[in-house]
Amino acid sequence: MLTLTVPEMTCGHCVGVISGILTELDPDCELNFELATRKVTISTSLPREQIVEALSDAGYDCE
């Protein structure tokens, strides 16, 4: 389980884009979005670095 803060995640469109990126990387991942706090919790076997890089490439920096 991995929780990331994504400051640029401000709306439902962002959630959809991020969801698409992550499910493309790992179709079996489970995602939980907290838009108010700009956090996404990801259940995946992928390394954190791979997820952060994919989101960064799409313009979403993570903390």
PDB file of N, CA and C in Angstrom:
ATOM      1  N   MET A   1       0.854  -1.171   0.000  1.00  0.00           N
ATOM      2  CA  MET A   1       0.000   0.000   0.000  1.00  0.00           C
ATOM      3  C   MET A   1       0.901   1.235   0.000  1.00  0.00           C
ATOM      4  N   LEU A   2       0.539   2.172  -0.837  1.00  0.00           N
ATOM      5  CA  LEU A   2       1.328   3.386  -1.024  1.00  0.00           C
ATOM      6  C   LEU A   2       0.377   4.577  -1.043  1.00  0.00           C
ATOM      7  N   THR A   3       0.694   5.620  -0.284  1.00  0.00           N
ATOM      8  CA  THR A   3      -0.115   6.838  -0.299  1.00  0.00           C
ATOM      9  C   THR A   3       0.759   7.983  -0.796  1.00  0.00           C
ATOM     10  N   LEU A   4       0.253   8.681  -1.794  1.00  0.00           N
ATOM     11  CA  LEU A   4       0.963   9.819  -2.369  1.00  0.00           C
ATOM     12  C   LEU A   4       0.108  11.067  -2.266  1.00  0.00           C
ATOM     13  N   THR A   5       0.763  12.191  -2.037  1.00  0.00           N
ATOM     14  CA  THR A   5       0.102  13.480  -2.129  1.00  0.00           C
ATOM     15  C   THR A   5       0.399  14.039  -3.510  1.00  0.00           C
ATOM     16  N   VAL A   6      -0.647  14.427  -4.220  1.00  0.00           N
ATOM     17  CA  VAL A   6      -0.516  14.931  -5.576  1.00  0.00           C
ATOM     18  C   VAL A   6      -1.101  16.352  -5.592  1.00  0.00           C
ATOM     19  N   PRO A   7      -0.256  17.383  -5.338  1.00  0.00           N
ATOM     20  CA  PRO A   7      -0.763  18.752  -5.220  1.00  0.00           C
ATOM     21  C   PRO A   7      -1.556  19.241  -6.426  1.00  0.00           C
ATOM     22  N   GLU A   8      -1.242  18.773  -7.621  1.00  0.00           N
ATOM     23  CA  GLU A   8      -1.930  19.220  -8.833  1.00  0.00           C
ATOM     24  C   GLU A   8      -3.278  18.535  -9.041  1.00  0.00           C
ATOM     25  N   MET A   9      -3.629  17.558  -8.210  1.00  0.00           N
ATOM     26  CA  MET A   9      -4.895  16.837  -8.343  1.00  0.00           C
ATOM     27  C   MET A   9      -5.996  17.682  -7.713  1.00  0.00           C
ATOM     28  N   THR A  10      -6.722  18.430  -8.544  1.00  0.00           N
ATOM     29  CA  THR A  10      -7.685  19.394  -8.032  1.00  0.00           C
ATOM     30  C   THR A  10      -9.133  19.128  -8.425  1.00  0.00           C
ATOM     31  N   CYS A  11      -9.371  18.148  -9.318  1.00  0.00           N
ATOM     32  CA  CYS A  11     -10.741  17.950  -9.796  1.00  0.00           C
ATOM     33  C   CYS A  11     -10.953  16.507 -10.247  1.00  0.00           C
ATOM     34  N   GLY A  12     -12.172  16.223 -10.616  1.00  0.00           N
ATOM     35  CA  GLY A  12     -12.513  14.883 -11.090  1.00  0.00           C
ATOM     36  C   GLY A  12     -11.769  14.489 -12.348  1.00  0.00           C
ATOM     37  N   HIS A  13     -11.478  15.463 -13.202  1.00  0.00           N
ATOM     38  CA  HIS A  13     -10.715  15.169 -14.406  1.00  0.00           C
ATOM     39  C   HIS A  13      -9.330  14.654 -14.039  1.00  0.00           C
ATOM     40  N   CYS A  14      -8.691  15.300 -13.075  1.00  0.00           N
ATOM     41  CA  CYS A  14      -7.371  14.860 -12.616  1.00  0.00           C
ATOM     42  C   CYS A  14      -7.434  13.425 -12.084  1.00  0.00           C
ATOM     43  N   VAL A  15      -8.470  13.144 -11.301  1.00  0.00           N
ATOM     44  CA  VAL A  15      -8.650  11.797 -10.761  1.00  0.00           C
ATOM     45  C   VAL A  15      -8.750  10.785 -11.905  1.00  0.00           C
ATOM     46  N   GLY A  16      -9.508  11.120 -12.938  1.00  0.00           N
ATOM     47  CA  GLY A  16      -9.653  10.223 -14.088  1.00  0.00           C
ATOM     48  C   GLY A  16      -8.350   9.992 -14.821  1.00  0.00           C
ATOM     49  N   VAL A  17      -7.577  11.049 -15.015  1.00  0.00           N
ATOM     50  CA  VAL A  17      -6.281  10.918 -15.702  1.00  0.00           C
ATOM     51  C   VAL A  17      -5.338  10.055 -14.877  1.00  0.00           C
ATOM     52  N   ILE A  18      -5.249  10.347 -13.590  1.00  0.00           N
ATOM     53  CA  ILE A  18      -4.350   9.590 -12.710  1.00  0.00           C
ATOM     54  C   ILE A  18      -4.784   8.140 -12.633  1.00  0.00           C
ATOM     55  N   SER A  19      -6.072   7.910 -12.542  1.00  0.00           N
ATOM     56  CA  SER A  19      -6.598   6.547 -12.515  1.00  0.00           C
ATOM     57  C   SER A  19      -6.218   5.795 -13.787  1.00  0.00           C
ATOM     58  N   GLY A  20      -6.355   6.455 -14.926  1.00  0.00           N
ATOM     59  CA  GLY A  20      -5.989   5.828 -16.197  1.00  0.00           C
ATOM     60  C   GLY A  20      -4.513   5.474 -16.273  1.00  0.00           C
ATOM     61  N   ILE A  21      -3.671   6.374 -15.803  1.00  0.00           N
ATOM     62  CA  ILE A  21      -2.224   6.128 -15.815  1.00  0.00           C
ATOM     63  C   ILE A  21      -1.892   4.922 -14.949  1.00  0.00           C
ATOM     64  N   LEU A  22      -2.450   4.900 -13.743  1.00  0.00           N
ATOM     65  CA  LEU A  22      -2.105   3.839 -12.801  1.00  0.00           C
ATOM     66  C   LEU A  22      -2.672   2.484 -13.217  1.00  0.00           C
ATOM     67  N   THR A  23      -3.885   2.462 -13.748  1.00  0.00           N
ATOM     68  CA  THR A  23      -4.440   1.175 -14.178  1.00  0.00           C
ATOM     69  C   THR A  23      -3.777   0.675 -15.459  1.00  0.00           C
ATOM     70  N   GLU A  24      -3.190   1.568 -16.232  1.00  0.00           N
ATOM     71  CA  GLU A  24      -2.421   1.125 -17.393  1.00  0.00           C
ATOM     72  C   GLU A  24      -1.128   0.449 -16.930  1.00  0.00           C
ATOM     73  N   LEU A  25      -0.519   0.996 -15.890  1.00  0.00           N
ATOM     74  CA  LEU A  25       0.702   0.396 -15.344  1.00  0.00           C
ATOM     75  C   LEU A  25       0.407  -0.933 -14.668  1.00  0.00           C
ATOM     76  N   ASP A  26      -0.674  -0.980 -13.912  1.00  0.00           N
ATOM     77  CA  ASP A  26      -1.051  -2.179 -13.155  1.00  0.00           C
ATOM     78  C   ASP A  26      -2.567  -2.325 -13.196  1.00  0.00           C
ATOM     79  N   PRO A  27      -3.080  -3.128 -14.127  1.00  0.00           N
ATOM     80  CA  PRO A  27      -4.534  -3.286 -14.261  1.00  0.00           C
ATOM     81  C   PRO A  27      -5.218  -3.819 -13.001  1.00  0.00           C
ATOM     82  N   ASP A  28      -4.461  -4.454 -12.116  1.00  0.00           N
ATOM     83  CA  ASP A  28      -5.037  -5.024 -10.903  1.00  0.00           C
ATOM     84  C   ASP A  28      -4.918  -4.109  -9.683  1.00  0.00           C
ATOM     85  N   CYS A  29      -4.391  -2.906  -9.879  1.00  0.00           N
ATOM     86  CA  CYS A  29      -4.214  -2.014  -8.727  1.00  0.00           C
ATOM     87  C   CYS A  29      -5.565  -1.569  -8.184  1.00  0.00           C
ATOM     88  N   GLU A  30      -5.584  -1.240  -6.905  1.00  0.00           N
ATOM     89  CA  GLU A  30      -6.774  -0.693  -6.267  1.00  0.00           C
ATOM     90  C   GLU A  30      -6.441   0.733  -5.852  1.00  0.00           C
ATOM     91  N   LEU A  31      -7.339   1.656  -6.165  1.00  0.00           N
ATOM     92  CA  LEU A  31      -7.093   3.073  -5.928  1.00  0.00           C
ATOM     93  C   LEU A  31      -8.157   3.664  -5.019  1.00  0.00           C
ATOM     94  N   ASN A  32      -7.721   4.555  -4.150  1.00  0.00           N
ATOM     95  CA  ASN A  32      -8.638   5.310  -3.303  1.00  0.00           C
ATOM     96  C   ASN A  32      -8.198   6.767  -3.349  1.00  0.00           C
ATOM     97  N   PHE A  33      -9.075   7.630  -3.856  1.00  0.00           N
ATOM     98  CA  PHE A  33      -8.759   9.047  -4.009  1.00  0.00           C
ATOM     99  C   PHE A  33      -9.431   9.855  -2.909  1.00  0.00           C
ATOM    100  N   GLU A  34      -8.692  10.789  -2.331  1.00  0.00           N
ATOM    101  CA  GLU A  34      -9.211  11.761  -1.378  1.00  0.00           C
ATOM    102  C   GLU A  34      -8.917  13.134  -1.977  1.00  0.00           C
ATOM    103  N   LEU A  35      -9.841  13.599  -2.798  1.00  0.00           N
ATOM    104  CA  LEU A  35      -9.615  14.841  -3.538  1.00  0.00           C
ATOM    105  C   LEU A  35      -9.422  16.040  -2.607  1.00  0.00           C
ATOM    106  N   ALA A  36     -10.145  16.082  -1.496  1.00  0.00           N
ATOM    107  CA  ALA A  36     -10.047  17.222  -0.575  1.00  0.00           C
ATOM    108  C   ALA A  36      -8.637  17.385  -0.013  1.00  0.00           C
ATOM    109  N   THR A  37      -7.957  16.261   0.225  1.00  0.00           N
ATOM    110  CA  THR A  37      -6.591  16.316   0.765  1.00  0.00           C
ATOM    111  C   THR A  37      -5.540  16.072  -0.307  1.00  0.00           C
ATOM    112  N   ARG A  38      -6.016  15.837  -1.532  1.00  0.00           N
ATOM    113  CA  ARG A  38      -5.141  15.588  -2.687  1.00  0.00           C
ATOM    114  C   ARG A  38      -4.236  14.372  -2.478  1.00  0.00           C
ATOM    115  N   LYS A  39      -4.820  13.334  -1.911  1.00  0.00           N
ATOM    116  CA  LYS A  39      -4.078  12.095  -1.668  1.00  0.00           C
ATOM    117  C   LYS A  39      -4.688  10.953  -2.474  1.00  0.00           C
ATOM    118  N   VAL A  40      -3.812  10.068  -2.909  1.00  0.00           N
ATOM    119  CA  VAL A  40      -4.252   8.838  -3.556  1.00  0.00           C
ATOM    120  C   VAL A  40      -3.528   7.675  -2.874  1.00  0.00           C
ATOM    121  N   THR A  41      -4.313   6.677  -2.497  1.00  0.00           N
ATOM    122  CA  THR A  41      -3.767   5.472  -1.904  1.00  0.00           C
ATOM    123  C   THR A  41      -3.837   4.381  -2.967  1.00  0.00           C
ATOM    124  N   ILE A  42      -2.706   3.708  -3.161  1.00  0.00           N
ATOM    125  CA  ILE A  42      -2.574   2.740  -4.247  1.00  0.00           C
ATOM    126  C   ILE A  42      -2.159   1.390  -3.668  1.00  0.00           C
ATOM    127  N   SER A  43      -2.921   0.374  -3.984  1.00  0.00           N
ATOM    128  CA  SER A  43      -2.552  -0.990  -3.629  1.00  0.00           C
ATOM    129  C   SER A  43      -2.015  -1.637  -4.900  1.00  0.00           C
ATOM    130  N   THR A  44      -0.695  -1.837  -4.934  1.00  0.00           N
ATOM    131  CA  THR A  44      -0.027  -2.357  -6.126  1.00  0.00           C
ATOM    132  C   THR A  44       1.274  -3.032  -5.741  1.00  0.00           C
ATOM    133  N   SER A  45       1.774  -3.860  -6.615  1.00  0.00           N
ATOM    134  CA  SER A  45       3.076  -4.482  -6.389  1.00  0.00           C
ATOM    135  C   SER A  45       4.197  -3.706  -7.090  1.00  0.00           C
ATOM    136  N   LEU A  46       3.833  -2.648  -7.804  1.00  0.00           N
ATOM    137  CA  LEU A  46       4.829  -1.847  -8.515  1.00  0.00           C
ATOM    138  C   LEU A  46       5.643  -1.011  -7.537  1.00  0.00           C
ATOM    139  N   PRO A  47       6.901  -0.740  -7.869  1.00  0.00           N
ATOM    140  CA  PRO A  47       7.720   0.107  -6.998  1.00  0.00           C
ATOM    141  C   PRO A  47       7.260   1.559  -7.040  1.00  0.00           C
ATOM    142  N   ARG A  48       7.399   2.245  -5.920  1.00  0.00           N
ATOM    143  CA  ARG A  48       7.003   3.646  -5.796  1.00  0.00           C
ATOM    144  C   ARG A  48       7.628   4.489  -6.899  1.00  0.00           C
ATOM    145  N   GLU A  49       8.887   4.263  -7.193  1.00  0.00           N
ATOM    146  CA  GLU A  49       9.608   5.058  -8.181  1.00  0.00           C
ATOM    147  C   GLU A  49       8.946   4.994  -9.553  1.00  0.00           C
ATOM    148  N   GLN A  50       8.463   3.837  -9.940  1.00  0.00           N
ATOM    149  CA  GLN A  50       7.816   3.675 -11.243  1.00  0.00           C
ATOM    150  C   GLN A  50       6.506   4.469 -11.298  1.00  0.00           C
ATOM    151  N   ILE A  51       5.758   4.443 -10.230  1.00  0.00           N
ATOM    152  CA  ILE A  51       4.493   5.172 -10.170  1.00  0.00           C
ATOM    153  C   ILE A  51       4.747   6.679 -10.193  1.00  0.00           C
ATOM    154  N   VAL A  52       5.678   7.134  -9.374  1.00  0.00           N
ATOM    155  CA  VAL A  52       6.002   8.565  -9.310  1.00  0.00           C
ATOM    156  C   VAL A  52       6.495   9.068 -10.660  1.00  0.00           C
ATOM    157  N   GLU A  53       7.324   8.281 -11.337  1.00  0.00           N
ATOM    158  CA  GLU A  53       7.843   8.682 -12.646  1.00  0.00           C
ATOM    159  C   GLU A  53       6.717   8.789 -13.672  1.00  0.00           C
ATOM    160  N   ALA A  54       5.809   7.830 -13.686  1.00  0.00           N
ATOM    161  CA  ALA A  54       4.697   7.864 -14.646  1.00  0.00           C
ATOM    162  C   ALA A  54       3.795   9.072 -14.403  1.00  0.00           C
ATOM    163  N   LEU A  55       3.518   9.362 -13.147  1.00  0.00           N
ATOM    164  CA  LEU A  55       2.684  10.523 -12.834  1.00  0.00           C
ATOM    165  C   LEU A  55       3.408  11.827 -13.163  1.00  0.00           C
ATOM    166  N   SER A  56       4.684  11.871 -12.883  1.00  0.00           N
ATOM    167  CA  SER A  56       5.483  13.060 -13.192  1.00  0.00           C
ATOM    168  C   SER A  56       5.516  13.311 -14.697  1.00  0.00           C
ATOM    169  N   ASP A  57       5.657  12.260 -15.473  1.00  0.00           N
ATOM    170  CA  ASP A  57       5.666  12.393 -16.938  1.00  0.00           C
ATOM    171  C   ASP A  57       4.353  12.983 -17.442  1.00  0.00           C
ATOM    172  N   ALA A  58       3.272  12.761 -16.706  1.00  0.00           N
ATOM    173  CA  ALA A  58       1.955  13.273 -17.092  1.00  0.00           C
ATOM    174  C   ALA A  58       1.684  14.658 -16.489  1.00  0.00           C
ATOM    175  N   GLY A  59       2.650  15.190 -15.746  1.00  0.00           N
ATOM    176  CA  GLY A  59       2.495  16.528 -15.176  1.00  0.00           C
ATOM    177  C   GLY A  59       1.996  16.572 -13.752  1.00  0.00           C
ATOM    178  N   TYR A  60       1.981  15.425 -13.084  1.00  0.00           N
ATOM    179  CA  TYR A  60       1.515  15.345 -11.699  1.00  0.00           C
ATOM    180  C   TYR A  60       2.685  14.992 -10.801  1.00  0.00           C
ATOM    181  N   ASP A  61       3.251  15.989 -10.131  1.00  0.00           N
ATOM    182  CA  ASP A  61       4.324  15.725  -9.190  1.00  0.00           C
ATOM    183  C   ASP A  61       3.732  15.146  -7.907  1.00  0.00           C
ATOM    184  N   CYS A  62       4.496  14.279  -7.250  1.00  0.00           N
ATOM    185  CA  CYS A  62       4.019  13.589  -6.060  1.00  0.00           C
ATOM    186  C   CYS A  62       4.958  13.840  -4.885  1.00  0.00           C
ATOM    187  N   GLU A  63       4.365  13.785  -3.730  1.00  0.00           N
ATOM    188  CA  GLU A  63       5.146  13.901  -2.488  1.00  0.00           C
ATOM    189  C   GLU A  63       4.973  12.639  -1.686  1.00  0.00           C
TER     190      GLU A  63
END
